[in-house]
Amino acid sequence: MQAFYMYYVYILLCSDGSLYTGISNNPDTRFADHKSGKGGKYTRSHKPIRRIYLEELASKSQALKRETQIKGWSRQKKIDILRLKI
């Protein structure tokens, strides 16, 4: 039997003002990974300051689709639509 996990799309604010979007089934641990340099390549060179958005989805597939959608948006559209607190 397969375990059921919720998946999350998150957006991080990085020290240079850039935004990083990713997915995880454990966003707190994943943020700690990013902060310690064990996260994605991008966040090793663009240090994350804080998580500014978190959206829960029912499956990994849904989370991946939502991540792709958000990554296709401009920075301003992300701020406007998701009402990000930057």
C-alpha atoms as a PDB file:
ATOM      1  CA  MET A   1       0.000   0.000   0.000  1.00  0.00           C
ATOM      2  CA  GLN A   2       1.287   3.444  -0.939  1.00  0.00           C
ATOM      3  CA  ALA A   3       1.585   6.139   1.741  1.00  0.00           C
ATOM      4  CA  PHE A   4      -0.465   9.286   1.205  1.00  0.00           C
ATOM      5  CA  TYR A   5       1.418  12.575   1.307  1.00  0.00           C
ATOM      6  CA  MET A   6       0.216  16.078   0.742  1.00  0.00           C
ATOM      7  CA  TYR A   7       2.468  18.076  -1.530  1.00  0.00           C
ATOM      8  CA  TYR A   8       3.166  21.772  -1.372  1.00  0.00           C
ATOM      9  CA  VAL A   9       4.254  24.446  -3.810  1.00  0.00           C
ATOM     10  CA  TYR A  10       6.325  27.098  -2.099  1.00  0.00           C
ATOM     11  CA  ILE A  11       7.998  30.349  -3.031  1.00  0.00           C
ATOM     12  CA  LEU A  12      11.118  31.592  -1.301  1.00  0.00           C
ATOM     13  CA  LEU A  13      12.362  35.167  -1.175  1.00  0.00           C
ATOM     14  CA  CYS A  14      16.113  35.177  -1.737  1.00  0.00           C
ATOM     15  CA  SER A  15      18.686  37.659  -0.434  1.00  0.00           C
ATOM     16  CA  ASP A  16      19.049  39.316  -3.847  1.00  0.00           C
ATOM     17  CA  GLY A  17      15.270  39.882  -4.058  1.00  0.00           C
ATOM     18  CA  SER A  18      14.692  37.027  -6.488  1.00  0.00           C
ATOM     19  CA  LEU A  19      11.957  34.436  -6.038  1.00  0.00           C
ATOM     20  CA  TYR A  20      12.457  30.672  -6.060  1.00  0.00           C
ATOM     21  CA  THR A  21       9.534  28.279  -6.622  1.00  0.00           C
ATOM     22  CA  GLY A  22       9.652  24.602  -5.697  1.00  0.00           C
ATOM     23  CA  ILE A  23       7.648  21.650  -4.397  1.00  0.00           C
ATOM     24  CA  SER A  24       7.990  19.356  -1.397  1.00  0.00           C
ATOM     25  CA  ASN A  25       6.015  16.979   0.770  1.00  0.00           C
ATOM     26  CA  ASN A  26       7.750  18.496   3.809  1.00  0.00           C
ATOM     27  CA  PRO A  27       8.187  22.240   3.212  1.00  0.00           C
ATOM     28  CA  ASP A  28       9.766  23.026   6.604  1.00  0.00           C
ATOM     29  CA  THR A  29      12.534  20.465   6.109  1.00  0.00           C
ATOM     30  CA  ARG A  30      12.990  21.554   2.502  1.00  0.00           C
ATOM     31  CA  PHE A  31      13.367  25.202   3.556  1.00  0.00           C
ATOM     32  CA  ALA A  32      16.016  24.147   6.099  1.00  0.00           C
ATOM     33  CA  ASP A  33      17.786  22.274   3.277  1.00  0.00           C
ATOM     34  CA  HIS A  34      17.767  25.401   1.117  1.00  0.00           C
ATOM     35  CA  LYS A  35      19.065  27.548   4.002  1.00  0.00           C
ATOM     36  CA  SER A  36      21.925  25.123   4.704  1.00  0.00           C
ATOM     37  CA  GLY A  37      23.002  24.909   1.047  1.00  0.00           C
ATOM     38  CA  LYS A  38      21.607  21.395   0.507  1.00  0.00           C
ATOM     39  CA  GLY A  39      18.617  22.585  -1.533  1.00  0.00           C
ATOM     40  CA  GLY A  40      18.552  23.347  -5.230  1.00  0.00           C
ATOM     41  CA  LYS A  41      21.497  24.748  -7.161  1.00  0.00           C
ATOM     42  CA  TYR A  42      19.773  28.119  -7.488  1.00  0.00           C
ATOM     43  CA  THR A  43      19.395  28.620  -3.735  1.00  0.00           C
ATOM     44  CA  ARG A  44      23.058  27.794  -3.114  1.00  0.00           C
ATOM     45  CA  SER A  45      24.002  31.000  -4.935  1.00  0.00           C
ATOM     46  CA  HIS A  46      20.841  32.999  -4.088  1.00  0.00           C
ATOM     47  CA  LYS A  47      20.491  32.546  -0.333  1.00  0.00           C
ATOM     48  CA  PRO A  48      16.852  32.155   0.762  1.00  0.00           C
ATOM     49  CA  ILE A  49      15.639  34.556   3.453  1.00  0.00           C
ATOM     50  CA  ARG A  50      12.115  33.301   4.069  1.00  0.00           C
ATOM     51  CA  ARG A  51       9.228  31.373   2.612  1.00  0.00           C
ATOM     52  CA  ILE A  52       6.630  33.821   1.363  1.00  0.00           C
ATOM     53  CA  TYR A  53       4.064  31.459  -0.158  1.00  0.00           C
ATOM     54  CA  LEU A  54       2.823  27.943   0.554  1.00  0.00           C
ATOM     55  CA  GLU A  55       0.030  26.114  -1.270  1.00  0.00           C
ATOM     56  CA  GLU A  56      -1.140  22.599  -0.372  1.00  0.00           C
ATOM     57  CA  LEU A  57      -2.058  20.170  -3.154  1.00  0.00           C
ATOM     58  CA  ALA A  58      -3.425  16.639  -3.018  1.00  0.00           C
ATOM     59  CA  SER A  59      -0.784  14.928  -5.171  1.00  0.00           C
ATOM     60  CA  LYS A  60       2.742  15.273  -6.483  1.00  0.00           C
ATOM     61  CA  SER A  61       1.355  15.499 -10.009  1.00  0.00           C
ATOM     62  CA  GLN A  62      -0.859  18.454  -9.087  1.00  0.00           C
ATOM     63  CA  ALA A  63       2.041  20.146  -7.297  1.00  0.00           C
ATOM     64  CA  LEU A  64       4.345  19.731 -10.307  1.00  0.00           C
ATOM     65  CA  LYS A  65       1.701  21.182 -12.641  1.00  0.00           C
ATOM     66  CA  ARG A  66       1.118  24.146 -10.323  1.00  0.00           C
ATOM     67  CA  GLU A  67       4.869  24.725  -9.945  1.00  0.00           C
ATOM     68  CA  THR A  68       5.253  24.810 -13.729  1.00  0.00           C
ATOM     69  CA  GLN A  69       2.336  27.241 -14.008  1.00  0.00           C
ATOM     70  CA  ILE A  70       3.761  29.604 -11.384  1.00  0.00           C
ATOM     71  CA  LYS A  71       7.286  29.430 -12.821  1.00  0.00           C
ATOM     72  CA  GLY A  72       5.861  30.606 -16.149  1.00  0.00           C
ATOM     73  CA  TRP A  73       4.557  33.823 -14.613  1.00  0.00           C
ATOM     74  CA  SER A  74       6.471  37.066 -14.421  1.00  0.00           C
ATOM     75  CA  ARG A  75       7.658  38.254 -11.025  1.00  0.00           C
ATOM     76  CA  GLN A  76       4.953  40.927 -10.977  1.00  0.00           C
ATOM     77  CA  LYS A  77       2.223  38.447 -11.834  1.00  0.00           C
ATOM     78  CA  LYS A  78       3.386  36.213  -8.960  1.00  0.00           C
ATOM     79  CA  ILE A  79       3.235  39.176  -6.588  1.00  0.00           C
ATOM     80  CA  ASP A  80      -0.178  40.298  -7.857  1.00  0.00           C
ATOM     81  CA  ILE A  81      -1.972  36.953  -8.158  1.00  0.00           C
ATOM     82  CA  LEU A  82      -0.507  35.258  -5.104  1.00  0.00           C
ATOM     83  CA  ARG A  83      -0.487  38.474  -3.042  1.00  0.00           C
ATOM     84  CA  LEU A  84       3.070  37.847  -1.956  1.00  0.00           C
ATOM     85  CA  LYS A  85       4.406  39.790   1.021  1.00  0.00           C
ATOM     86  CA  ILE A  86       7.814  40.975  -0.134  1.00  0.00           C
END
